[in-house]
Amino acid sequence: MIIKEVRGKFPQIPEDCYVAENATIVGDVQLGEKCSVWFNAVIRGDVNRIEIGNKVNIQDGAVIHCTYLKHPTKIGNNVSIGHNAIVHGCEIKDNVLIGMGAIVMDNCVVNSNSIIAAGSVVTQNTIVESGTIYAGVPAKKVKAIDESDFAGEIERISNNYVMYSGWFKEEE
């Protein structure tokens, strides 16, 4: 793994987090408890800060970045960032699933208990409503979801990724 200081800022990673051997975390990055950063994922806090809550899984090949002098990136608790997703200069609230290959661009807010469908592009300045699924290019609301059912599903996914990361930590 590459964990690197940039411009006097060093990533803050609690001991109970799992970071894969070829993941990269640089600069002004704060991870919460029980996070996992998977193979080939990049979290690049070189031009602004990145704050990540508890039990967030950043899956294989995902990129988390921010915008110089404009947009930090903030990710809440119990968030799953799918394989090869890009999250850039935006805010992701609690209990959110960002699907595989999705892109969330600058100054977006993805409110709690929401899903961004795989392959979707959430364009700049979009506000995703709580309890909805957004899909497409550009991403639009496709349906409302039952937030009480969905919150349990996101919690299950977050807990599974804590379990999966435990398998790799056992091998260290």
N, C-alpha and C. Protein backbone atom coordinates (compact mmCIF):
# COMPACT_ATOMS: atom_id res chain seq x y z
N MET A 1 0.84 -1.18 0.00
CA MET A 1 0.00 0.00 0.00
C MET A 1 0.88 1.23 0.00
N ILE A 2 0.35 2.28 -0.59
CA ILE A 2 1.05 3.56 -0.56
C ILE A 2 0.23 4.47 0.33
N ILE A 3 0.83 4.88 1.42
CA ILE A 3 0.22 5.87 2.31
C ILE A 3 1.25 6.98 2.41
N LYS A 4 0.90 8.14 1.87
CA LYS A 4 1.90 9.16 1.63
C LYS A 4 1.46 10.53 2.09
N GLU A 5 2.39 11.25 2.70
CA GLU A 5 2.19 12.64 3.07
C GLU A 5 2.29 13.52 1.84
N VAL A 6 1.42 14.53 1.79
CA VAL A 6 1.47 15.53 0.72
C VAL A 6 1.28 16.90 1.36
N ARG A 7 2.18 17.83 1.08
CA ARG A 7 2.10 19.20 1.58
C ARG A 7 1.87 19.26 3.08
N GLY A 8 2.57 18.39 3.82
CA GLY A 8 2.49 18.38 5.28
C GLY A 8 1.28 17.68 5.85
N LYS A 9 0.44 17.09 5.02
CA LYS A 9 -0.76 16.36 5.47
C LYS A 9 -0.55 14.88 5.27
N PHE A 10 -0.79 14.11 6.33
CA PHE A 10 -0.61 12.66 6.29
C PHE A 10 -1.95 11.99 6.56
N PRO A 11 -2.31 10.96 5.80
CA PRO A 11 -3.60 10.29 6.03
C PRO A 11 -3.73 9.77 7.46
N GLN A 12 -4.94 9.89 8.00
CA GLN A 12 -5.26 9.39 9.33
C GLN A 12 -6.11 8.14 9.17
N ILE A 13 -5.56 7.00 9.56
CA ILE A 13 -6.21 5.71 9.33
C ILE A 13 -6.25 4.93 10.64
N PRO A 14 -7.43 4.73 11.23
CA PRO A 14 -7.51 3.96 12.46
C PRO A 14 -6.99 2.53 12.28
N GLU A 15 -6.52 1.94 13.35
CA GLU A 15 -5.94 0.60 13.30
C GLU A 15 -6.94 -0.47 12.86
N ASP A 16 -8.23 -0.25 13.10
CA ASP A 16 -9.20 -1.29 12.75
C ASP A 16 -9.65 -1.23 11.29
N CYS A 17 -9.03 -0.36 10.50
CA CYS A 17 -9.32 -0.29 9.06
C CYS A 17 -8.45 -1.30 8.32
N TYR A 18 -8.94 -1.71 7.16
CA TYR A 18 -8.16 -2.57 6.27
C TYR A 18 -7.84 -1.78 5.01
N VAL A 19 -6.55 -1.78 4.64
CA VAL A 19 -6.10 -1.15 3.40
C VAL A 19 -5.33 -2.20 2.61
N ALA A 20 -5.79 -2.52 1.41
CA ALA A 20 -5.15 -3.54 0.58
C ALA A 20 -3.72 -3.12 0.21
N GLU A 21 -2.92 -4.11 -0.10
CA GLU A 21 -1.50 -3.89 -0.37
C GLU A 21 -1.22 -2.93 -1.52
N ASN A 22 -2.10 -2.87 -2.50
CA ASN A 22 -1.85 -1.99 -3.64
C ASN A 22 -2.83 -0.82 -3.71
N ALA A 23 -3.47 -0.51 -2.60
CA ALA A 23 -4.31 0.70 -2.51
C ALA A 23 -3.40 1.90 -2.26
N THR A 24 -3.89 3.09 -2.61
CA THR A 24 -3.11 4.32 -2.42
C THR A 24 -3.97 5.32 -1.66
N ILE A 25 -3.40 5.86 -0.57
CA ILE A 25 -4.07 6.90 0.21
C ILE A 25 -3.03 7.99 0.45
N VAL A 26 -3.32 9.20 -0.03
CA VAL A 26 -2.35 10.28 0.10
C VAL A 26 -3.00 11.56 0.60
N GLY A 27 -2.22 12.32 1.37
CA GLY A 27 -2.59 13.67 1.75
C GLY A 27 -3.59 13.78 2.87
N ASP A 28 -4.45 14.77 2.77
CA ASP A 28 -5.39 15.16 3.82
C ASP A 28 -6.62 14.26 3.79
N VAL A 29 -6.45 13.03 4.30
CA VAL A 29 -7.51 12.02 4.29
C VAL A 29 -7.72 11.55 5.72
N GLN A 30 -8.97 11.52 6.15
CA GLN A 30 -9.35 11.02 7.47
C GLN A 30 -10.34 9.88 7.27
N LEU A 31 -9.94 8.66 7.64
CA LEU A 31 -10.85 7.51 7.60
C LEU A 31 -11.47 7.32 8.97
N GLY A 32 -12.74 6.91 9.00
CA GLY A 32 -13.40 6.55 10.25
C GLY A 32 -13.07 5.12 10.65
N GLU A 33 -13.75 4.64 11.65
CA GLU A 33 -13.53 3.28 12.18
C GLU A 33 -14.08 2.23 11.21
N LYS A 34 -13.43 1.07 11.18
CA LYS A 34 -13.88 -0.13 10.47
C LYS A 34 -14.10 0.10 8.96
N CYS A 35 -13.27 0.94 8.36
CA CYS A 35 -13.34 1.15 6.92
C CYS A 35 -12.48 0.11 6.22
N SER A 36 -12.76 -0.07 4.92
CA SER A 36 -11.89 -0.92 4.10
C SER A 36 -11.66 -0.24 2.76
N VAL A 37 -10.40 -0.31 2.32
CA VAL A 37 -9.97 0.28 1.06
C VAL A 37 -9.36 -0.87 0.27
N TRP A 38 -9.99 -1.24 -0.83
CA TRP A 38 -9.68 -2.48 -1.52
C TRP A 38 -8.67 -2.29 -2.64
N PHE A 39 -8.37 -3.37 -3.32
CA PHE A 39 -7.29 -3.44 -4.29
C PHE A 39 -7.43 -2.39 -5.39
N ASN A 40 -6.31 -1.69 -5.62
CA ASN A 40 -6.20 -0.64 -6.65
C ASN A 40 -7.08 0.58 -6.40
N ALA A 41 -7.68 0.71 -5.24
CA ALA A 41 -8.43 1.92 -4.92
C ALA A 41 -7.45 3.06 -4.64
N VAL A 42 -7.88 4.29 -4.96
CA VAL A 42 -7.07 5.48 -4.74
C VAL A 42 -7.92 6.51 -3.99
N ILE A 43 -7.38 7.01 -2.88
CA ILE A 43 -8.00 8.12 -2.15
C ILE A 43 -6.96 9.22 -2.13
N ARG A 44 -7.20 10.28 -2.88
CA ARG A 44 -6.18 11.29 -3.13
C ARG A 44 -6.58 12.64 -2.56
N GLY A 45 -6.13 12.90 -1.33
CA GLY A 45 -6.39 14.17 -0.66
C GLY A 45 -5.23 15.13 -0.83
N ASP A 46 -4.79 15.31 -2.06
CA ASP A 46 -3.63 16.18 -2.32
C ASP A 46 -4.02 17.64 -2.54
N VAL A 47 -5.20 17.89 -3.09
CA VAL A 47 -5.58 19.27 -3.43
C VAL A 47 -6.69 19.83 -2.53
N ASN A 48 -7.25 18.99 -1.68
CA ASN A 48 -8.27 19.39 -0.73
C ASN A 48 -8.44 18.22 0.24
N ARG A 49 -9.32 18.34 1.20
CA ARG A 49 -9.46 17.29 2.21
C ARG A 49 -10.53 16.27 1.83
N ILE A 50 -10.36 15.07 2.38
CA ILE A 50 -11.33 14.00 2.20
C ILE A 50 -11.62 13.43 3.58
N GLU A 51 -12.91 13.47 3.96
CA GLU A 51 -13.36 12.93 5.25
C GLU A 51 -14.27 11.75 4.98
N ILE A 52 -13.94 10.62 5.60
CA ILE A 52 -14.70 9.39 5.38
C ILE A 52 -15.17 8.87 6.74
N GLY A 53 -16.47 8.57 6.85
CA GLY A 53 -17.08 8.13 8.10
C GLY A 53 -16.74 6.69 8.46
N ASN A 54 -17.54 6.12 9.33
CA ASN A 54 -17.33 4.76 9.84
C ASN A 54 -17.97 3.72 8.92
N LYS A 55 -17.34 2.55 8.88
CA LYS A 55 -17.85 1.40 8.12
C LYS A 55 -18.13 1.75 6.66
N VAL A 56 -17.16 2.42 6.04
CA VAL A 56 -17.22 2.73 4.62
C VAL A 56 -16.33 1.74 3.89
N ASN A 57 -16.82 1.15 2.82
CA ASN A 57 -15.99 0.29 1.99
C ASN A 57 -15.80 0.94 0.63
N ILE A 58 -14.54 1.05 0.26
CA ILE A 58 -14.14 1.64 -1.01
C ILE A 58 -13.56 0.50 -1.82
N GLN A 59 -14.35 0.01 -2.75
CA GLN A 59 -14.07 -1.25 -3.41
C GLN A 59 -13.03 -1.10 -4.52
N ASP A 60 -12.64 -2.23 -5.07
CA ASP A 60 -11.55 -2.34 -6.01
C ASP A 60 -11.64 -1.32 -7.14
N GLY A 61 -10.54 -0.59 -7.34
CA GLY A 61 -10.43 0.34 -8.45
C GLY A 61 -11.15 1.66 -8.30
N ALA A 62 -11.82 1.87 -7.17
CA ALA A 62 -12.54 3.14 -6.97
C ALA A 62 -11.54 4.28 -6.78
N VAL A 63 -11.96 5.48 -7.18
CA VAL A 63 -11.14 6.68 -7.01
C VAL A 63 -11.95 7.71 -6.24
N ILE A 64 -11.36 8.21 -5.16
CA ILE A 64 -11.96 9.29 -4.37
C ILE A 64 -11.00 10.47 -4.48
N HIS A 65 -11.49 11.62 -4.95
CA HIS A 65 -10.64 12.79 -5.11
C HIS A 65 -11.47 14.02 -4.75
N CYS A 66 -10.90 15.20 -4.92
CA CYS A 66 -11.54 16.47 -4.55
C CYS A 66 -11.06 17.54 -5.53
N THR A 67 -11.53 18.77 -5.34
CA THR A 67 -11.20 19.84 -6.28
C THR A 67 -10.43 20.94 -5.56
N TYR A 68 -9.34 21.34 -6.14
CA TYR A 68 -8.45 22.34 -5.55
C TYR A 68 -9.20 23.64 -5.27
N LEU A 69 -9.09 24.08 -4.02
CA LEU A 69 -9.66 25.36 -3.55
C LEU A 69 -11.17 25.47 -3.67
N LYS A 70 -11.86 24.40 -4.06
CA LYS A 70 -13.30 24.49 -4.25
C LYS A 70 -14.07 23.46 -3.45
N HIS A 71 -13.86 22.18 -3.74
CA HIS A 71 -14.74 21.14 -3.22
C HIS A 71 -13.96 20.02 -2.53
N PRO A 72 -14.07 19.95 -1.19
CA PRO A 72 -13.57 18.76 -0.51
C PRO A 72 -14.51 17.60 -0.81
N THR A 73 -14.16 16.42 -0.35
CA THR A 73 -15.06 15.26 -0.46
C THR A 73 -15.37 14.78 0.94
N LYS A 74 -16.66 14.58 1.20
CA LYS A 74 -17.09 14.10 2.51
C LYS A 74 -18.01 12.91 2.29
N ILE A 75 -17.69 11.80 2.98
CA ILE A 75 -18.46 10.57 2.87
C ILE A 75 -18.92 10.19 4.27
N GLY A 76 -20.22 9.92 4.43
CA GLY A 76 -20.80 9.60 5.73
C GLY A 76 -20.51 8.18 6.18
N ASN A 77 -21.36 7.66 7.05
CA ASN A 77 -21.22 6.32 7.63
C ASN A 77 -21.99 5.29 6.80
N ASN A 78 -21.52 4.05 6.86
CA ASN A 78 -22.20 2.92 6.20
C ASN A 78 -22.41 3.18 4.71
N VAL A 79 -21.35 3.58 4.05
CA VAL A 79 -21.40 3.87 2.62
C VAL A 79 -20.59 2.81 1.88
N SER A 80 -21.13 2.33 0.78
CA SER A 80 -20.41 1.41 -0.11
C SER A 80 -20.13 2.13 -1.42
N ILE A 81 -18.85 2.23 -1.76
CA ILE A 81 -18.41 2.82 -3.02
C ILE A 81 -18.02 1.64 -3.91
N GLY A 82 -18.82 1.35 -4.93
CA GLY A 82 -18.65 0.15 -5.75
C GLY A 82 -17.37 0.14 -6.57
N HIS A 83 -17.06 -1.03 -7.09
CA HIS A 83 -15.87 -1.25 -7.91
C HIS A 83 -15.81 -0.23 -9.05
N ASN A 84 -14.64 0.39 -9.21
CA ASN A 84 -14.35 1.34 -10.29
C ASN A 84 -15.23 2.58 -10.30
N ALA A 85 -15.85 2.91 -9.19
CA ALA A 85 -16.61 4.16 -9.09
C ALA A 85 -15.65 5.33 -8.92
N ILE A 86 -16.13 6.53 -9.27
CA ILE A 86 -15.38 7.77 -9.05
C ILE A 86 -16.26 8.70 -8.22
N VAL A 87 -15.72 9.17 -7.11
CA VAL A 87 -16.41 10.11 -6.22
C VAL A 87 -15.50 11.33 -6.14
N HIS A 88 -15.98 12.49 -6.61
CA HIS A 88 -15.09 13.64 -6.80
C HIS A 88 -15.71 14.93 -6.28
N GLY A 89 -15.11 15.51 -5.24
CA GLY A 89 -15.49 16.84 -4.76
C GLY A 89 -16.95 16.98 -4.42
N CYS A 90 -17.50 16.00 -3.69
CA CYS A 90 -18.93 15.98 -3.41
C CYS A 90 -19.17 15.51 -1.98
N GLU A 91 -20.44 15.45 -1.59
CA GLU A 91 -20.80 14.94 -0.27
C GLU A 91 -21.74 13.76 -0.43
N ILE A 92 -21.37 12.66 0.21
CA ILE A 92 -22.18 11.45 0.25
C ILE A 92 -22.62 11.29 1.71
N LYS A 93 -23.91 11.33 1.96
CA LYS A 93 -24.41 11.21 3.34
C LYS A 93 -24.42 9.75 3.78
N ASP A 94 -25.03 9.44 4.93
CA ASP A 94 -25.05 8.10 5.52
C ASP A 94 -25.92 7.13 4.72
N ASN A 95 -25.54 5.83 4.81
CA ASN A 95 -26.36 4.74 4.26
C ASN A 95 -26.63 4.90 2.77
N VAL A 96 -25.55 5.00 2.01
CA VAL A 96 -25.65 5.19 0.56
C VAL A 96 -24.86 4.09 -0.14
N LEU A 97 -25.39 3.66 -1.27
CA LEU A 97 -24.69 2.73 -2.15
C LEU A 97 -24.38 3.45 -3.46
N ILE A 98 -23.10 3.57 -3.77
CA ILE A 98 -22.66 4.10 -5.06
C ILE A 98 -22.30 2.88 -5.90
N GLY A 99 -23.06 2.61 -6.94
CA GLY A 99 -22.90 1.40 -7.73
C GLY A 99 -21.60 1.32 -8.50
N MET A 100 -21.30 0.12 -8.97
CA MET A 100 -20.07 -0.13 -9.73
C MET A 100 -19.99 0.78 -10.95
N GLY A 101 -18.84 1.41 -11.12
CA GLY A 101 -18.60 2.25 -12.28
C GLY A 101 -19.35 3.57 -12.31
N ALA A 102 -20.06 3.90 -11.24
CA ALA A 102 -20.78 5.17 -11.19
C ALA A 102 -19.80 6.32 -10.98
N ILE A 103 -20.21 7.51 -11.39
CA ILE A 103 -19.41 8.72 -11.22
C ILE A 103 -20.29 9.76 -10.52
N VAL A 104 -19.77 10.33 -9.43
CA VAL A 104 -20.45 11.41 -8.72
C VAL A 104 -19.51 12.61 -8.78
N MET A 105 -19.96 13.68 -9.42
CA MET A 105 -19.08 14.80 -9.73
C MET A 105 -19.16 15.93 -8.71
N ASP A 106 -18.39 16.98 -8.97
CA ASP A 106 -18.21 18.10 -8.04
C ASP A 106 -19.52 18.73 -7.58
N ASN A 107 -19.51 19.08 -6.31
CA ASN A 107 -20.58 19.85 -5.67
C ASN A 107 -21.93 19.14 -5.67
N CYS A 108 -21.92 17.82 -5.80
CA CYS A 108 -23.15 17.03 -5.65
C CYS A 108 -23.35 16.70 -4.18
N VAL A 109 -24.59 16.48 -3.81
CA VAL A 109 -24.93 15.94 -2.50
C VAL A 109 -25.81 14.73 -2.73
N VAL A 110 -25.35 13.58 -2.24
CA VAL A 110 -26.15 12.36 -2.30
C VAL A 110 -26.68 12.15 -0.88
N ASN A 111 -27.97 12.41 -0.71
CA ASN A 111 -28.57 12.33 0.62
C ASN A 111 -28.73 10.89 1.09
N SER A 112 -28.98 10.73 2.38
CA SER A 112 -29.02 9.42 3.04
C SER A 112 -30.02 8.47 2.43
N ASN A 113 -29.70 7.19 2.59
CA ASN A 113 -30.59 6.10 2.19
C ASN A 113 -30.92 6.13 0.71
N SER A 114 -29.87 6.36 -0.09
CA SER A 114 -30.04 6.46 -1.54
C SER A 114 -29.11 5.50 -2.25
N ILE A 115 -29.45 5.24 -3.51
CA ILE A 115 -28.64 4.39 -4.38
C ILE A 115 -28.33 5.16 -5.65
N ILE A 116 -27.06 5.13 -6.04
CA ILE A 116 -26.65 5.60 -7.36
C ILE A 116 -26.38 4.33 -8.16
N ALA A 117 -27.16 4.08 -9.17
CA ALA A 117 -27.09 2.82 -9.92
C ALA A 117 -25.75 2.68 -10.63
N ALA A 118 -25.36 1.43 -10.85
CA ALA A 118 -24.11 1.13 -11.55
C ALA A 118 -24.06 1.86 -12.89
N GLY A 119 -22.89 2.42 -13.20
CA GLY A 119 -22.68 3.08 -14.48
C GLY A 119 -23.29 4.45 -14.63
N SER A 120 -23.94 4.95 -13.60
CA SER A 120 -24.59 6.26 -13.68
C SER A 120 -23.57 7.39 -13.57
N VAL A 121 -23.94 8.56 -14.09
CA VAL A 121 -23.12 9.76 -13.95
C VAL A 121 -23.99 10.83 -13.30
N VAL A 122 -23.65 11.16 -12.06
CA VAL A 122 -24.34 12.22 -11.32
C VAL A 122 -23.57 13.50 -11.63
N THR A 123 -24.17 14.35 -12.45
CA THR A 123 -23.47 15.53 -12.94
C THR A 123 -23.36 16.62 -11.87
N GLN A 124 -22.42 17.53 -12.11
CA GLN A 124 -22.09 18.59 -11.18
C GLN A 124 -23.33 19.30 -10.65
N ASN A 125 -23.32 19.57 -9.33
CA ASN A 125 -24.34 20.34 -8.61
C ASN A 125 -25.66 19.60 -8.40
N THR A 126 -25.73 18.31 -8.70
CA THR A 126 -26.97 17.55 -8.51
C THR A 126 -27.18 17.27 -7.02
N ILE A 127 -28.43 17.40 -6.58
CA ILE A 127 -28.83 17.03 -5.21
C ILE A 127 -29.70 15.78 -5.34
N VAL A 128 -29.19 14.65 -4.83
CA VAL A 128 -29.93 13.39 -4.87
C VAL A 128 -30.83 13.32 -3.64
N GLU A 129 -32.11 13.13 -3.86
CA GLU A 129 -33.08 13.08 -2.77
C GLU A 129 -32.85 11.85 -1.89
N SER A 130 -33.10 12.01 -0.61
CA SER A 130 -33.03 10.89 0.33
C SER A 130 -34.08 9.85 -0.07
N GLY A 131 -33.71 8.58 0.05
CA GLY A 131 -34.66 7.50 -0.20
C GLY A 131 -35.01 7.29 -1.66
N THR A 132 -34.03 7.54 -2.56
CA THR A 132 -34.30 7.39 -3.99
C THR A 132 -33.20 6.58 -4.67
N ILE A 133 -33.53 6.12 -5.87
CA ILE A 133 -32.54 5.53 -6.76
C ILE A 133 -32.38 6.49 -7.93
N TYR A 134 -31.13 6.85 -8.21
CA TYR A 134 -30.81 7.66 -9.38
C TYR A 134 -30.04 6.77 -10.35
N ALA A 135 -30.36 6.87 -11.64
CA ALA A 135 -29.71 6.03 -12.64
C ALA A 135 -29.62 6.79 -13.95
N GLY A 136 -28.68 6.36 -14.79
CA GLY A 136 -28.56 6.89 -16.14
C GLY A 136 -27.42 7.87 -16.30
N VAL A 137 -27.33 8.37 -17.55
CA VAL A 137 -26.30 9.34 -17.92
C VAL A 137 -27.00 10.45 -18.69
N PRO A 138 -27.23 11.61 -18.10
CA PRO A 138 -26.95 11.93 -16.71
C PRO A 138 -27.95 11.23 -15.77
N ALA A 139 -27.54 11.03 -14.53
CA ALA A 139 -28.40 10.33 -13.57
C ALA A 139 -29.62 11.17 -13.22
N LYS A 140 -30.76 10.51 -13.18
CA LYS A 140 -32.04 11.12 -12.82
C LYS A 140 -32.73 10.20 -11.82
N LYS A 141 -33.66 10.75 -11.06
CA LYS A 141 -34.44 9.93 -10.14
C LYS A 141 -35.29 8.95 -10.94
N VAL A 142 -35.16 7.64 -10.60
CA VAL A 142 -35.97 6.65 -11.29
C VAL A 142 -37.05 6.08 -10.38
N LYS A 143 -36.81 6.11 -9.07
CA LYS A 143 -37.87 5.67 -8.16
C LYS A 143 -37.51 5.97 -6.71
N ALA A 144 -38.55 6.01 -5.90
CA ALA A 144 -38.36 6.12 -4.45
C ALA A 144 -38.22 4.72 -3.90
N ILE A 145 -37.50 4.60 -2.80
CA ILE A 145 -37.34 3.30 -2.14
C ILE A 145 -37.79 3.42 -0.70
N ASP A 146 -38.15 2.30 -0.12
CA ASP A 146 -38.55 2.26 1.29
C ASP A 146 -37.29 2.41 2.13
N GLU A 147 -37.14 3.59 2.73
CA GLU A 147 -35.91 3.88 3.47
C GLU A 147 -35.67 2.92 4.63
N SER A 148 -36.71 2.44 5.29
CA SER A 148 -36.50 1.54 6.43
C SER A 148 -35.92 0.21 5.96
N ASP A 149 -36.42 -0.32 4.84
CA ASP A 149 -35.87 -1.56 4.29
C ASP A 149 -34.46 -1.34 3.78
N PHE A 150 -34.26 -0.23 3.10
CA PHE A 150 -32.97 0.03 2.49
C PHE A 150 -31.87 0.23 3.52
N ALA A 151 -32.15 0.94 4.61
CA ALA A 151 -31.13 1.19 5.64
C ALA A 151 -30.59 -0.13 6.17
N GLY A 152 -31.44 -1.12 6.34
CA GLY A 152 -31.00 -2.44 6.80
C GLY A 152 -30.11 -3.12 5.77
N GLU A 153 -30.42 -2.95 4.50
CA GLU A 153 -29.61 -3.56 3.44
C GLU A 153 -28.22 -2.93 3.38
N ILE A 154 -28.15 -1.63 3.48
CA ILE A 154 -26.85 -0.96 3.47
C ILE A 154 -26.04 -1.35 4.70
N GLU A 155 -26.68 -1.44 5.84
CA GLU A 155 -25.99 -1.89 7.06
C GLU A 155 -25.44 -3.30 6.87
N ARG A 156 -26.21 -4.16 6.22
CA ARG A 156 -25.75 -5.53 5.96
C ARG A 156 -24.51 -5.53 5.07
N ILE A 157 -24.53 -4.72 4.01
CA ILE A 157 -23.37 -4.64 3.12
C ILE A 157 -22.15 -4.11 3.87
N SER A 158 -22.33 -3.05 4.66
CA SER A 158 -21.22 -2.50 5.45
C SER A 158 -20.65 -3.54 6.40
N ASN A 159 -21.52 -4.26 7.07
CA ASN A 159 -21.06 -5.31 8.00
C ASN A 159 -20.34 -6.42 7.25
N ASN A 160 -20.83 -6.78 6.07
CA ASN A 160 -20.14 -7.81 5.28
C ASN A 160 -18.73 -7.38 4.92
N TYR A 161 -18.55 -6.12 4.54
CA TYR A 161 -17.21 -5.66 4.19
C TYR A 161 -16.28 -5.60 5.39
N VAL A 162 -16.81 -5.35 6.57
CA VAL A 162 -16.00 -5.45 7.79
C VAL A 162 -15.55 -6.91 7.96
N MET A 163 -16.48 -7.84 7.73
CA MET A 163 -16.14 -9.27 7.82
C MET A 163 -15.10 -9.65 6.76
N TYR A 164 -15.31 -9.25 5.51
CA TYR A 164 -14.36 -9.59 4.45
C TYR A 164 -12.96 -9.07 4.77
N SER A 165 -12.89 -7.83 5.24
CA SER A 165 -11.58 -7.27 5.54
C SER A 165 -10.91 -8.03 6.67
N GLY A 166 -11.71 -8.58 7.59
CA GLY A 166 -11.15 -9.41 8.66
C GLY A 166 -10.42 -10.63 8.13
N TRP A 167 -10.91 -11.18 7.03
CA TRP A 167 -10.25 -12.35 6.43
C TRP A 167 -8.82 -11.99 6.01
N PHE A 168 -8.64 -10.80 5.45
CA PHE A 168 -7.33 -10.37 4.98
C PHE A 168 -6.44 -9.95 6.14
N LYS A 169 -7.03 -9.36 7.16
CA LYS A 169 -6.24 -8.94 8.32
C LYS A 169 -5.68 -10.16 9.07
N GLU A 170 -6.41 -11.28 9.04
CA GLU A 170 -5.95 -12.51 9.67
C GLU A 170 -4.65 -13.00 9.05
N GLU A 171 -4.46 -12.72 7.74
CA GLU A 171 -3.29 -13.19 7.02
C GLU A 171 -2.06 -12.34 7.26
N GLU A 172 -2.24 -11.14 7.83
CA GLU A 172 -1.10 -10.21 8.04
C GLU A 172 -0.20 -10.69 9.15
